[in-house]
Amino acid sequence: MNYSKYALVRVTIIRITQETQYPKWAECRLKDAYGREHIFVDKLPIFTEHDVDVSEVPTEGVIRCYVEKEKDNKLHQKGIVRICTLEPDDLESKDGLWEFYLYKTQIIQ
């Protein structure tokens, strides 16, 4: 599969953290290829174009990312790619991480 420089990654919006301000803020979860969960907190429009209410979570969302080329063919053959969330939205997980290994099926073109 050929990837463009930028892509979308499926995430789950798990919580609206600030509903009273505009734009709303939300928390989302990304599960990597190794089963680890990563939490991101940012403005809701970073994760979805829909105005999600508290009663509508959990719901699907996306994170924009840069798909990096794999140097390790073994990982690529297993359907795993490395992404970086610093581009284009400067997004880090709550743990300060921005590089993740994901299954190709988590990537949306």
N, C-alpha and C. Protein backbone atom coordinates (compact mmCIF):
# COMPACT_ATOMS: atom_id res chain seq x y z
N MET A 1 0.84 -1.18 0.00
CA MET A 1 0.00 0.00 0.00
C MET A 1 0.88 1.23 0.00
N ASN A 2 0.63 2.17 -0.89
CA ASN A 2 1.38 3.41 -0.93
C ASN A 2 0.67 4.46 -0.09
N TYR A 3 1.44 5.15 0.73
CA TYR A 3 0.87 6.18 1.58
C TYR A 3 1.29 7.54 1.07
N SER A 4 0.38 8.49 1.15
CA SER A 4 0.76 9.86 0.91
C SER A 4 1.48 10.34 2.16
N LYS A 5 2.05 11.49 2.12
CA LYS A 5 2.79 12.00 3.26
C LYS A 5 1.90 12.08 4.50
N TYR A 6 0.69 12.58 4.34
CA TYR A 6 -0.22 12.73 5.47
C TYR A 6 -1.40 11.78 5.35
N ALA A 7 -1.89 11.34 6.49
CA ALA A 7 -3.03 10.42 6.51
C ALA A 7 -3.83 10.68 7.78
N LEU A 8 -4.91 9.94 7.92
CA LEU A 8 -5.74 9.99 9.12
C LEU A 8 -5.64 8.65 9.82
N VAL A 9 -5.70 8.70 11.15
CA VAL A 9 -5.66 7.50 11.97
C VAL A 9 -6.94 7.43 12.79
N ARG A 10 -7.54 6.25 12.82
CA ARG A 10 -8.76 6.07 13.61
C ARG A 10 -8.45 6.13 15.11
N VAL A 11 -9.27 6.89 15.84
CA VAL A 11 -9.18 6.96 17.30
C VAL A 11 -10.60 6.89 17.86
N THR A 12 -10.70 6.75 19.18
CA THR A 12 -11.99 6.77 19.85
C THR A 12 -12.03 7.98 20.78
N ILE A 13 -13.01 8.85 20.55
CA ILE A 13 -13.22 9.98 21.45
C ILE A 13 -13.91 9.41 22.68
N ILE A 14 -13.25 9.52 23.83
CA ILE A 14 -13.75 8.86 25.03
C ILE A 14 -14.36 9.83 26.05
N ARG A 15 -14.08 11.14 25.89
CA ARG A 15 -14.59 12.07 26.89
C ARG A 15 -14.54 13.49 26.35
N ILE A 16 -15.56 14.27 26.67
CA ILE A 16 -15.52 15.71 26.43
C ILE A 16 -15.00 16.32 27.73
N THR A 17 -13.87 17.00 27.66
CA THR A 17 -13.23 17.47 28.89
C THR A 17 -13.65 18.89 29.26
N GLN A 18 -13.99 19.71 28.28
CA GLN A 18 -14.45 21.07 28.54
C GLN A 18 -15.57 21.37 27.56
N GLU A 19 -16.78 21.36 28.07
CA GLU A 19 -17.94 21.54 27.21
C GLU A 19 -18.42 22.98 27.16
N THR A 20 -18.04 23.79 28.14
CA THR A 20 -18.59 25.14 28.25
C THR A 20 -17.86 26.18 27.41
N GLN A 21 -16.70 25.88 26.91
CA GLN A 21 -15.99 26.85 26.09
C GLN A 21 -16.05 26.44 24.62
N TYR A 22 -15.73 27.38 23.75
CA TYR A 22 -15.72 27.08 22.32
C TYR A 22 -14.31 27.28 21.80
N PRO A 23 -13.76 26.33 21.09
CA PRO A 23 -14.34 25.02 20.84
C PRO A 23 -14.24 24.13 22.08
N LYS A 24 -15.06 23.10 22.08
CA LYS A 24 -14.99 22.12 23.16
C LYS A 24 -13.64 21.41 23.11
N TRP A 25 -13.25 20.85 24.26
CA TRP A 25 -12.04 20.03 24.34
C TRP A 25 -12.44 18.60 24.58
N ALA A 26 -11.64 17.68 24.05
CA ALA A 26 -11.98 16.26 24.16
C ALA A 26 -10.73 15.44 24.44
N GLU A 27 -10.99 14.22 24.89
CA GLU A 27 -9.94 13.24 25.14
C GLU A 27 -10.21 12.06 24.22
N CYS A 28 -9.16 11.59 23.55
CA CYS A 28 -9.34 10.43 22.68
C CYS A 28 -8.27 9.39 22.96
N ARG A 29 -8.55 8.18 22.50
CA ARG A 29 -7.68 7.04 22.76
C ARG A 29 -7.23 6.43 21.43
N LEU A 30 -5.95 6.14 21.36
CA LEU A 30 -5.35 5.45 20.22
C LEU A 30 -4.70 4.19 20.76
N LYS A 31 -5.04 3.05 20.18
CA LYS A 31 -4.43 1.79 20.58
C LYS A 31 -3.41 1.41 19.52
N ASP A 32 -2.16 1.21 19.93
CA ASP A 32 -1.11 0.92 18.96
C ASP A 32 -1.05 -0.57 18.62
N ALA A 33 -0.14 -0.92 17.74
CA ALA A 33 -0.03 -2.31 17.27
C ALA A 33 0.42 -3.27 18.36
N TYR A 34 0.94 -2.75 19.45
CA TYR A 34 1.41 -3.60 20.55
C TYR A 34 0.41 -3.66 21.70
N GLY A 35 -0.79 -3.09 21.47
CA GLY A 35 -1.85 -3.16 22.46
C GLY A 35 -1.82 -2.05 23.50
N ARG A 36 -0.87 -1.14 23.41
CA ARG A 36 -0.80 -0.02 24.37
C ARG A 36 -1.78 1.07 23.97
N GLU A 37 -2.40 1.66 24.98
CA GLU A 37 -3.33 2.76 24.74
C GLU A 37 -2.63 4.09 25.01
N HIS A 38 -2.90 5.04 24.12
CA HIS A 38 -2.33 6.38 24.23
C HIS A 38 -3.49 7.37 24.24
N ILE A 39 -3.43 8.32 25.17
CA ILE A 39 -4.50 9.31 25.34
C ILE A 39 -4.02 10.66 24.84
N PHE A 40 -4.89 11.33 24.08
CA PHE A 40 -4.63 12.68 23.57
C PHE A 40 -5.73 13.60 24.08
N VAL A 41 -5.37 14.82 24.42
CA VAL A 41 -6.34 15.84 24.82
C VAL A 41 -6.09 17.07 23.96
N ASP A 42 -7.15 17.52 23.29
CA ASP A 42 -7.03 18.71 22.44
C ASP A 42 -8.43 19.21 22.11
N LYS A 43 -8.47 20.24 21.29
CA LYS A 43 -9.76 20.79 20.85
C LYS A 43 -10.52 19.73 20.05
N LEU A 44 -11.81 19.64 20.26
CA LEU A 44 -12.64 18.64 19.59
C LEU A 44 -12.47 18.66 18.07
N PRO A 45 -12.37 19.85 17.41
CA PRO A 45 -12.21 19.84 15.95
C PRO A 45 -10.93 19.17 15.46
N ILE A 46 -9.96 18.93 16.33
CA ILE A 46 -8.76 18.18 15.93
C ILE A 46 -9.14 16.72 15.66
N PHE A 47 -10.15 16.22 16.38
CA PHE A 47 -10.53 14.80 16.31
C PHE A 47 -11.75 14.52 15.42
N THR A 48 -12.61 15.51 15.22
CA THR A 48 -13.82 15.30 14.43
C THR A 48 -14.37 16.64 13.94
N GLU A 49 -15.08 16.59 12.84
CA GLU A 49 -15.73 17.81 12.34
C GLU A 49 -17.14 17.95 12.92
N HIS A 50 -17.59 16.97 13.68
CA HIS A 50 -18.92 16.99 14.27
C HIS A 50 -18.89 17.61 15.66
N ASP A 51 -19.97 18.26 16.04
CA ASP A 51 -20.10 18.83 17.37
C ASP A 51 -20.64 17.75 18.30
N VAL A 52 -19.74 17.04 18.94
CA VAL A 52 -20.09 15.89 19.78
C VAL A 52 -20.50 16.36 21.17
N ASP A 53 -21.61 15.83 21.67
CA ASP A 53 -22.06 16.13 23.02
C ASP A 53 -21.58 15.04 23.97
N VAL A 54 -21.62 15.35 25.25
CA VAL A 54 -21.19 14.39 26.29
C VAL A 54 -21.94 13.07 26.16
N SER A 55 -23.22 13.14 25.81
CA SER A 55 -24.04 11.93 25.71
C SER A 55 -23.67 11.06 24.51
N GLU A 56 -22.86 11.57 23.60
CA GLU A 56 -22.53 10.84 22.37
C GLU A 56 -21.18 10.11 22.43
N VAL A 57 -20.49 10.20 23.56
CA VAL A 57 -19.21 9.50 23.67
C VAL A 57 -19.39 8.18 24.39
N PRO A 58 -18.65 7.16 24.06
CA PRO A 58 -17.55 7.18 23.09
C PRO A 58 -18.05 7.21 21.65
N THR A 59 -17.25 7.79 20.79
CA THR A 59 -17.55 7.86 19.37
C THR A 59 -16.24 7.88 18.58
N GLU A 60 -16.34 7.58 17.32
CA GLU A 60 -15.14 7.54 16.48
C GLU A 60 -14.65 8.93 16.13
N GLY A 61 -13.35 9.03 15.97
CA GLY A 61 -12.72 10.26 15.52
C GLY A 61 -11.46 9.90 14.75
N VAL A 62 -10.68 10.91 14.42
CA VAL A 62 -9.42 10.70 13.70
C VAL A 62 -8.35 11.65 14.23
N ILE A 63 -7.12 11.27 13.97
CA ILE A 63 -5.97 12.15 14.20
C ILE A 63 -5.23 12.23 12.88
N ARG A 64 -4.85 13.44 12.50
CA ARG A 64 -4.02 13.59 11.31
C ARG A 64 -2.59 13.27 11.69
N CYS A 65 -1.87 12.64 10.77
CA CYS A 65 -0.50 12.24 11.08
C CYS A 65 0.34 12.23 9.81
N TYR A 66 1.62 12.04 10.04
CA TYR A 66 2.58 11.84 8.97
C TYR A 66 2.98 10.37 9.00
N VAL A 67 2.85 9.68 7.90
CA VAL A 67 3.23 8.27 7.83
C VAL A 67 4.69 8.21 7.42
N GLU A 68 5.52 7.70 8.34
CA GLU A 68 6.96 7.62 8.08
C GLU A 68 7.28 6.32 7.35
N LYS A 69 8.30 6.35 6.54
CA LYS A 69 8.74 5.14 5.84
C LYS A 69 9.36 4.19 6.84
N GLU A 70 9.07 2.93 6.63
CA GLU A 70 9.61 1.90 7.51
C GLU A 70 10.97 1.44 7.01
N LYS A 71 11.92 1.38 7.92
CA LYS A 71 13.24 0.84 7.59
C LYS A 71 13.28 -0.66 7.86
N ASP A 72 12.42 -1.12 8.75
CA ASP A 72 12.40 -2.53 9.15
C ASP A 72 11.35 -3.27 8.31
N ASN A 73 11.78 -3.99 7.30
CA ASN A 73 10.86 -4.69 6.41
C ASN A 73 10.02 -5.73 7.15
N LYS A 74 10.56 -6.31 8.24
CA LYS A 74 9.80 -7.30 9.00
C LYS A 74 8.53 -6.68 9.57
N LEU A 75 8.65 -5.46 10.09
CA LEU A 75 7.46 -4.78 10.61
C LEU A 75 6.49 -4.47 9.49
N HIS A 76 7.01 -3.96 8.39
CA HIS A 76 6.15 -3.59 7.26
C HIS A 76 5.42 -4.82 6.72
N GLN A 77 6.10 -5.95 6.67
CA GLN A 77 5.46 -7.17 6.18
C GLN A 77 4.36 -7.65 7.12
N LYS A 78 4.45 -7.32 8.38
CA LYS A 78 3.41 -7.68 9.34
C LYS A 78 2.24 -6.70 9.31
N GLY A 79 2.31 -5.72 8.43
CA GLY A 79 1.23 -4.75 8.32
C GLY A 79 1.32 -3.63 9.33
N ILE A 80 2.53 -3.32 9.78
CA ILE A 80 2.73 -2.27 10.77
C ILE A 80 3.48 -1.10 10.15
N VAL A 81 3.03 0.10 10.43
CA VAL A 81 3.70 1.31 9.95
C VAL A 81 3.97 2.22 11.15
N ARG A 82 4.95 3.10 10.98
CA ARG A 82 5.27 4.09 12.02
C ARG A 82 4.69 5.43 11.60
N ILE A 83 3.99 6.07 12.54
CA ILE A 83 3.42 7.39 12.26
C ILE A 83 3.99 8.41 13.23
N CYS A 84 3.88 9.67 12.86
CA CYS A 84 4.27 10.79 13.72
C CYS A 84 3.08 11.75 13.77
N THR A 85 2.65 12.11 14.99
CA THR A 85 1.50 13.01 15.15
C THR A 85 1.91 14.46 15.34
N LEU A 86 3.20 14.76 15.29
CA LEU A 86 3.63 16.16 15.38
C LEU A 86 3.25 16.94 14.13
N GLU A 87 3.19 16.23 13.00
CA GLU A 87 2.75 16.86 11.76
C GLU A 87 1.37 16.33 11.42
N PRO A 88 0.42 17.10 11.03
CA PRO A 88 0.49 18.55 10.86
C PRO A 88 -0.05 19.34 12.06
N ASP A 89 -0.54 18.68 13.12
CA ASP A 89 -1.25 19.39 14.19
C ASP A 89 -0.47 19.53 15.49
N ASP A 90 0.80 19.15 15.52
CA ASP A 90 1.62 19.27 16.73
C ASP A 90 0.96 18.59 17.92
N LEU A 91 0.54 17.36 17.71
CA LEU A 91 -0.23 16.61 18.71
C LEU A 91 0.65 15.58 19.40
N GLU A 92 0.66 15.64 20.74
CA GLU A 92 1.38 14.67 21.56
C GLU A 92 0.40 13.96 22.48
N SER A 93 0.74 12.73 22.85
CA SER A 93 -0.09 12.02 23.83
C SER A 93 0.13 12.65 25.20
N LYS A 94 -0.71 12.28 26.17
CA LYS A 94 -0.55 12.79 27.53
C LYS A 94 0.80 12.40 28.11
N ASP A 95 1.40 11.34 27.59
CA ASP A 95 2.71 10.89 28.04
C ASP A 95 3.85 11.56 27.28
N GLY A 96 3.53 12.50 26.40
CA GLY A 96 4.55 13.21 25.65
C GLY A 96 5.08 12.47 24.44
N LEU A 97 4.35 11.47 23.97
CA LEU A 97 4.78 10.68 22.81
C LEU A 97 4.13 11.21 21.53
N TRP A 98 4.84 11.06 20.42
CA TRP A 98 4.30 11.48 19.13
C TRP A 98 4.61 10.49 18.01
N GLU A 99 5.39 9.46 18.30
CA GLU A 99 5.65 8.40 17.33
C GLU A 99 5.01 7.11 17.80
N PHE A 100 4.30 6.46 16.87
CA PHE A 100 3.55 5.25 17.23
C PHE A 100 3.66 4.24 16.10
N TYR A 101 3.64 2.97 16.46
CA TYR A 101 3.57 1.88 15.49
C TYR A 101 2.14 1.38 15.46
N LEU A 102 1.53 1.41 14.28
CA LEU A 102 0.13 1.05 14.12
C LEU A 102 -0.02 0.01 13.01
N TYR A 103 -1.15 -0.68 13.04
CA TYR A 103 -1.49 -1.55 11.92
C TYR A 103 -1.91 -0.69 10.73
N LYS A 104 -1.59 -1.14 9.55
CA LYS A 104 -1.99 -0.41 8.34
C LYS A 104 -3.49 -0.19 8.29
N THR A 105 -4.25 -1.11 8.86
CA THR A 105 -5.71 -0.98 8.82
C THR A 105 -6.22 0.19 9.67
N GLN A 106 -5.39 0.74 10.54
CA GLN A 106 -5.80 1.90 11.34
C GLN A 106 -5.63 3.21 10.56
N ILE A 107 -4.96 3.13 9.43
CA ILE A 107 -4.70 4.31 8.62
C ILE A 107 -5.81 4.49 7.60
N ILE A 108 -6.31 5.72 7.53
CA ILE A 108 -7.33 6.07 6.54
C ILE A 108 -6.68 6.99 5.52
N GLN A 109 -6.85 6.68 4.27
CA GLN A 109 -6.26 7.53 3.22
C GLN A 109 -7.13 8.71 2.93
